[in-house]
Protein backbone atom coordinates (compact mmCIF):
# COMPACT_ATOMS: atom_id res chain seq x y z
CA MET A 1 39.99 44.15 -3.28
CA ASP A 2 44.00 44.12 -2.70
CA ASN A 3 42.70 45.89 1.12
CA ASN A 4 42.79 44.66 3.93
CA ASP A 5 39.63 44.13 6.64
CA LYS A 6 42.04 45.90 9.18
CA PRO A 7 43.84 49.18 9.71
CA SER A 8 47.80 49.76 10.63
CA ASN A 9 48.55 49.83 13.30
CA GLU A 10 48.96 53.28 13.67
CA GLU A 11 46.78 54.62 11.59
CA VAL A 12 42.56 53.49 13.19
CA GLY A 13 39.76 54.15 11.80
CA ASN A 14 36.10 54.84 13.53
CA SER A 15 35.47 51.42 14.38
CA GLN A 16 36.66 48.22 13.98
CA ASP A 17 35.91 45.38 11.85
CA SER A 18 33.39 43.35 14.23
CA SER A 19 29.85 42.23 14.07
CA TYR A 20 27.88 46.18 13.22
CA ASP A 21 24.77 46.46 12.93
CA PHE A 22 23.21 49.53 10.42
CA ASP A 23 20.41 51.89 11.00
CA SER A 24 18.96 51.36 7.31
CA SER A 25 14.99 52.46 6.11
CA SER A 26 15.55 50.44 2.75
CA ASP A 27 12.67 46.79 1.74
CA GLU A 28 13.45 43.63 0.31
CA SER A 29 11.29 45.31 -2.97
CA ASP A 30 11.97 43.03 -5.80
CA ASP A 31 12.06 45.37 -8.31
CA MET A 32 15.42 45.76 -7.33
CA ALA A 33 17.49 47.78 -10.51
CA GLY A 34 20.18 44.23 -11.69
CA VAL A 35 23.84 45.03 -12.70
CA THR A 36 26.73 43.20 -14.57
CA SER A 37 30.10 43.83 -15.05
CA ASP A 38 31.09 43.94 -19.09
CA ALA A 39 33.36 41.09 -19.76
CA ALA A 40 34.35 43.21 -22.50
CA GLU A 41 35.41 46.14 -20.95
CA ALA A 42 35.82 46.18 -16.69
CA ASN A 43 35.39 50.27 -16.72
CA VAL A 44 31.67 49.68 -18.12
CA ILE A 45 28.43 48.11 -16.35
CA ASN A 46 25.38 47.90 -17.37
CA VAL A 47 22.29 49.86 -15.48
CA ASP A 48 18.74 49.37 -16.14
CA GLY A 49 19.97 47.57 -19.77
CA THR A 50 22.33 51.10 -20.47
CA GLU A 51 25.69 50.52 -20.31
CA LYS A 52 27.15 53.39 -19.22
CA LEU A 53 31.57 54.21 -18.07
CA ILE A 54 32.24 53.92 -13.61
CA THR A 55 33.33 57.32 -14.16
CA ASP A 56 29.81 58.29 -15.82
CA LEU A 57 27.85 57.04 -12.79
CA THR A 58 25.58 60.15 -10.59
CA SER A 59 25.20 59.54 -6.70
CA GLU A 60 22.21 58.78 -7.79
CA ASP A 61 23.49 55.62 -10.20
CA VAL A 62 25.24 54.43 -7.47
CA ARG A 63 22.90 54.17 -4.55
CA GLY A 64 19.94 51.17 -5.01
CA LEU A 65 22.36 49.15 -7.47
CA THR A 66 22.72 45.53 -6.63
CA PHE A 67 24.82 43.03 -7.73
CA ASP A 68 25.25 39.00 -7.16
CA SER A 69 28.18 38.74 -4.40
CA GLU A 70 29.88 40.72 -2.29
CA SER A 71 33.23 40.38 -4.40
CA GLU A 72 31.55 42.29 -7.45
CA VAL A 73 30.98 44.94 -5.07
CA CYS A 74 33.56 45.43 -3.32
CA ASP A 75 35.30 44.52 -6.87
CA PHE A 76 32.79 47.32 -8.42
CA TYR A 77 33.76 49.93 -5.08
CA SER A 78 37.86 49.22 -5.79
CA LYS A 79 36.97 49.89 -10.20
CA TYR A 80 35.39 53.20 -8.59
CA ALA A 81 37.99 54.22 -7.21
CA LYS A 82 40.72 53.53 -9.12
CA CYS A 83 39.01 55.10 -11.89
CA HIS A 84 38.53 58.25 -9.46
CA GLY A 85 42.21 58.78 -8.33
CA PHE A 86 41.40 57.55 -4.93
CA VAL A 87 42.03 53.25 -2.98
CA SER A 88 38.67 51.78 -1.14
CA ARG A 89 39.70 49.32 1.73
CA LYS A 90 37.13 47.13 4.27
CA ASP A 91 35.68 49.06 7.14
CA VAL A 92 32.97 47.17 9.20
CA LYS A 93 30.79 44.75 8.79
CA SER A 94 27.36 43.19 10.38
CA VAL A 95 27.52 39.05 10.34
CA ASP A 96 24.35 37.17 11.80
CA ALA A 97 24.47 34.52 14.24
CA ASN A 98 26.59 31.77 11.32
CA GLY A 99 28.93 33.79 11.22
CA ASN A 100 27.80 35.33 7.31
CA ILE A 101 28.55 38.02 6.23
CA ASN A 102 24.71 40.24 6.34
CA SER A 103 26.30 44.07 5.39
CA ARG A 104 29.93 45.54 4.49
CA GLN A 105 31.27 48.79 4.26
CA LEU A 106 33.88 50.28 2.19
CA VAL A 107 35.90 53.04 2.35
CA CYS A 108 38.63 54.90 1.25
CA ASN A 109 41.41 54.12 2.19
CA ARG A 110 42.10 57.42 4.05
CA ALA A 111 38.10 57.41 6.53
CA GLY A 112 39.60 57.88 10.62
CA VAL A 113 41.83 59.69 12.77
CA ARG A 114 44.87 58.77 13.72
CA HIS A 115 45.02 58.14 17.79
CA TRP A 116 46.37 60.72 19.73
CA LYS A 117 47.73 58.25 21.95
CA HIS A 118 50.34 57.90 19.57
CA PHE A 119 51.38 62.05 19.49
CA LYS A 120 52.05 61.97 22.77
CA ARG A 121 54.27 58.62 22.86
CA GLU A 122 57.16 60.61 25.25
CA ASN A 123 59.92 56.89 23.72
CA ARG A 124 59.45 57.33 20.42
CA GLN A 125 62.38 56.39 18.82
CA ARG A 126 61.37 57.24 15.32
CA GLU A 127 60.58 60.02 13.89
CA HIS A 128 56.53 59.86 12.83
CA LYS A 129 55.00 58.79 9.41
CA PRO A 130 52.77 61.11 6.96
CA ILE A 131 49.56 61.38 7.88
CA THR A 132 47.24 59.79 5.77
CA ARG A 133 44.12 59.43 7.57
CA VAL A 134 42.24 62.59 7.02
CA ASN A 135 38.28 61.55 8.34
CA CYS A 136 37.26 60.77 4.78
CA GLN A 137 33.99 59.83 4.70
CA ALA A 138 33.91 58.72 1.39
CA LYS A 139 31.65 55.49 1.35
CA ILE A 140 29.74 52.83 -0.44
CA ARG A 141 27.03 50.79 2.28
CA PHE A 142 25.69 47.32 1.03
CA THR A 143 23.65 44.57 2.07
CA ARG A 144 21.87 41.66 1.45
CA HIS A 145 18.66 40.89 0.04
CA LEU A 146 17.28 38.08 2.83
CA ARG A 147 15.23 35.80 0.23
CA SER A 148 16.90 36.97 -3.32
CA GLY A 149 20.18 36.96 -1.93
CA LYS A 150 20.99 40.30 -4.24
CA TRP A 151 23.35 43.19 -2.44
CA LYS A 152 21.93 46.25 -3.07
CA VAL A 153 24.14 49.61 -1.75
CA ILE A 154 21.78 51.22 1.00
CA ALA A 155 24.49 54.14 1.14
CA PHE A 156 26.71 55.87 -0.46
CA GLU A 157 28.65 59.05 -0.08
CA GLY A 158 31.19 60.79 -3.45
CA LYS A 159 33.00 63.26 -1.25
CA HIS A 160 36.06 63.45 -0.40
CA ASN A 161 37.96 66.18 1.80
CA HIS A 162 41.42 65.87 -0.02
CA PRO A 163 42.35 65.69 -3.17
CA LEU A 164 42.06 63.01 -5.56
CA CYS A 165 45.79 61.36 -7.06
CA PRO A 166 46.04 62.54 -11.50
CA LEU A 167 44.80 60.08 -13.86
CA LYS A 168 48.55 60.44 -15.07
CA PHE A 169 49.73 59.05 -11.38
CA ARG A 170 46.41 56.69 -11.29
CA HIS A 171 48.57 53.73 -12.70
CA LEU A 172 51.34 54.30 -10.15
CA ILE A 173 49.35 53.77 -6.78
CA PRO A 174 50.28 49.86 -5.46
CA ALA A 175 46.93 48.96 -5.07
CA ASN A 176 46.88 49.27 -8.32
CA ARG A 177 49.73 48.00 -9.49
CA TRP A 178 50.01 44.17 -10.41
CA LEU A 179 51.01 41.19 -12.43
CA ASP A 180 48.29 39.51 -14.44
CA ASP A 181 48.80 34.87 -14.71
CA ALA A 182 49.74 36.68 -19.24
CA ASP A 183 51.62 39.03 -16.93
CA LYS A 184 52.98 36.37 -15.62
CA ALA A 185 53.23 33.22 -18.29
CA GLN A 186 55.24 36.39 -20.79
CA ALA A 187 58.00 37.28 -18.32
CA ASP A 188 58.89 33.60 -17.09
CA SER A 189 58.79 32.11 -20.68
CA MET A 190 61.03 35.25 -22.11
CA ARG A 191 63.31 35.60 -19.41
CA ALA A 192 63.69 30.91 -19.36
CA PHE A 193 65.79 32.61 -22.63
CA GLY A 194 67.38 35.20 -21.71
CA VAL A 195 65.97 38.52 -22.15
CA ARG A 196 67.44 40.57 -19.85
CA THR A 197 64.47 41.92 -17.64
CA CYS A 198 63.86 45.42 -19.16
CA HIS A 199 63.80 44.60 -22.88
CA ILE A 200 60.21 41.80 -21.58
CA MET A 201 59.80 45.47 -20.01
CA GLY A 202 59.66 47.11 -23.04
CA TYR A 203 58.18 44.77 -24.68
CA ILE A 204 54.86 44.35 -22.88
CA VAL A 205 54.07 48.56 -22.24
CA ALA A 206 54.67 48.28 -26.03
CA GLN A 207 52.00 45.75 -26.44
CA LYS A 208 50.08 47.36 -24.14
CA GLY A 209 49.29 50.37 -25.56
CA GLY A 210 51.55 52.23 -22.67
CA PHE A 211 53.22 52.27 -19.15
CA ASP A 212 50.10 53.52 -17.77
CA LYS A 213 48.12 50.63 -19.21
CA ALA A 214 50.24 47.80 -18.67
CA GLY A 215 49.67 47.69 -15.10
CA PHE A 216 52.61 46.80 -13.29
CA THR A 217 56.30 49.01 -12.56
CA HIS A 218 59.68 48.18 -14.19
CA LYS A 219 60.15 47.08 -10.21
CA ASP A 220 57.73 45.22 -9.75
CA LEU A 221 58.63 42.82 -13.10
CA HIS A 222 61.98 42.84 -11.03
CA ASN A 223 60.57 41.58 -8.16
CA HIS A 224 58.03 39.04 -9.23
CA ILE A 225 61.73 37.60 -11.72
CA ALA A 226 63.52 38.22 -8.47
CA ARG A 227 60.60 35.80 -6.58
CA THR A 228 60.42 33.47 -8.97
CA LYS A 229 64.43 32.25 -8.82
CA ARG A 230 63.91 32.05 -5.19
CA GLY A 231 61.25 29.97 -5.43
CA LYS A 232 63.11 26.83 -7.70
CA ILE A 233 66.32 27.11 -4.54
CA LYS A 234 63.56 25.29 -2.59
CA GLU A 235 66.58 25.56 0.85
CA GLY A 236 67.98 29.18 -0.18
CA ASP A 237 71.10 29.73 -1.71
CA ALA A 238 73.86 28.90 0.68
CA TYR A 239 72.41 25.09 -0.42
CA ALA A 240 72.63 26.04 -3.58
CA ALA A 241 75.76 27.34 -3.37
CA LEU A 242 77.18 24.38 -1.12
CA GLY A 243 74.92 21.59 -3.63
CA TYR A 244 76.69 22.76 -6.74
CA LEU A 245 80.60 23.09 -4.99
CA SER A 246 79.63 19.03 -4.20
CA SER A 247 79.38 18.16 -7.22
CA LEU A 248 82.78 19.84 -8.89
CA SER A 249 84.13 17.97 -6.19
CA ASP A 250 83.31 14.54 -7.16
CA ASN A 251 84.54 14.60 -10.71
CA ASP A 252 87.56 17.11 -10.29
CA PRO A 253 90.02 15.83 -7.43
CA LEU A 254 91.90 18.79 -6.52
CA PHE A 255 89.06 20.76 -5.98
CA PHE A 256 89.90 22.88 -2.19
CA GLY A 257 86.91 24.00 -1.04
CA LYS A 258 86.61 25.59 2.71
CA LEU A 259 84.03 27.34 4.80
CA THR A 260 83.13 28.55 8.62
CA LEU A 261 79.82 28.79 9.45
CA ASP A 262 78.23 30.99 12.59
CA ASN A 263 75.41 30.72 14.46
CA GLY A 264 74.62 27.48 12.17
CA LYS A 265 74.18 30.24 9.04
CA LEU A 266 77.20 30.00 5.99
CA ASP A 267 79.33 33.06 7.60
CA LYS A 268 82.71 31.88 4.94
CA LEU A 269 83.35 30.25 1.63
CA ALA A 270 86.69 29.40 0.01
CA TRP A 271 86.62 27.28 -2.50
CA ALA A 272 89.31 26.76 -6.30
CA ASP A 273 89.07 24.52 -8.40
CA GLY A 274 92.18 21.74 -9.75
CA ALA A 275 92.14 23.97 -12.47
CA SER A 276 92.96 26.77 -11.27
CA ILE A 277 95.43 25.16 -8.12
CA VAL A 278 97.27 24.28 -11.17
CA ASP A 279 97.40 27.67 -12.77
CA TYR A 280 98.88 28.60 -9.53
CA GLU A 281 101.58 26.78 -9.61
CA CYS A 282 102.36 27.85 -12.68
CA PHE A 283 101.47 31.58 -11.86
CA GLY A 284 101.38 32.48 -8.94
CA ASP A 285 98.68 35.16 -10.40
CA VAL A 286 95.47 35.49 -7.28
CA LEU A 287 92.28 36.47 -8.67
CA ALA A 288 89.76 37.87 -5.80
CA PHE A 289 86.85 39.28 -5.75
CA ASP A 290 84.98 41.18 -3.04
CA THR A 291 80.88 41.09 -3.83
CA THR A 292 80.63 44.28 -1.33
CA TYR A 293 82.69 46.42 -3.30
CA LYS A 294 80.78 49.94 -2.62
CA LYS A 295 77.92 48.20 -1.98
CA ASN A 296 77.32 50.40 1.17
CA VAL A 297 78.92 53.88 -1.08
């Protein structure tokens, strides 16, 4: 799951992520239905020996399903949410004396309501954020079988009180967008050979059969490449620039450079190599680069 356990500061659900005991009438029988994820098709699960699409599951199918671990249930509900056009998040849980999770509840990300105190704050300096919590009751609750260690779904509510995301826009939901290790490796190798980011995106889209199947957007790819570049500069771009100029000065006796600091940080930097100084003496021309031109237009 990519969602956090804790709600945002201004939007809280009906319960916090703390120790909580669920009232359940489920018995711990050994004849629970086993569920396994199909590795070939992520949206197909095996229910009692019958393969079904997640979109074809009924409420009765979901109730009583069992999984091998808590993470498998979270992955299942995350896929279920993606297929139906909403986003899931973790809600309350119960733990034993040793801190082990015994039960967990996942809800729609629009569950709960915004606290009333945020509407009556008199010293507010910013406009209210759009209301996203509408007290949606969609949820799934599961508990751990004490003897077998399996995780069984004991409660499920599939109805929402808000419109769901249309199919053609579901791949744009932030929770549904990420680059897996294969995508990152492919993008990094192509970038290392000088392929532009837009061409990398176009190649991956054509390779996977469409933007909706790529799993990420053009901006996500740009962010990954930018993070990769920043990771290669261990101490920041300022140190990298000073290190590069220092290497130039070692090989150029006419090299000139000067810098100013502001609160310990690089403020202004001016430099000229030997060839530029000689050209200025001969021709008197100056070429200046304004890196802030039209930045704030």
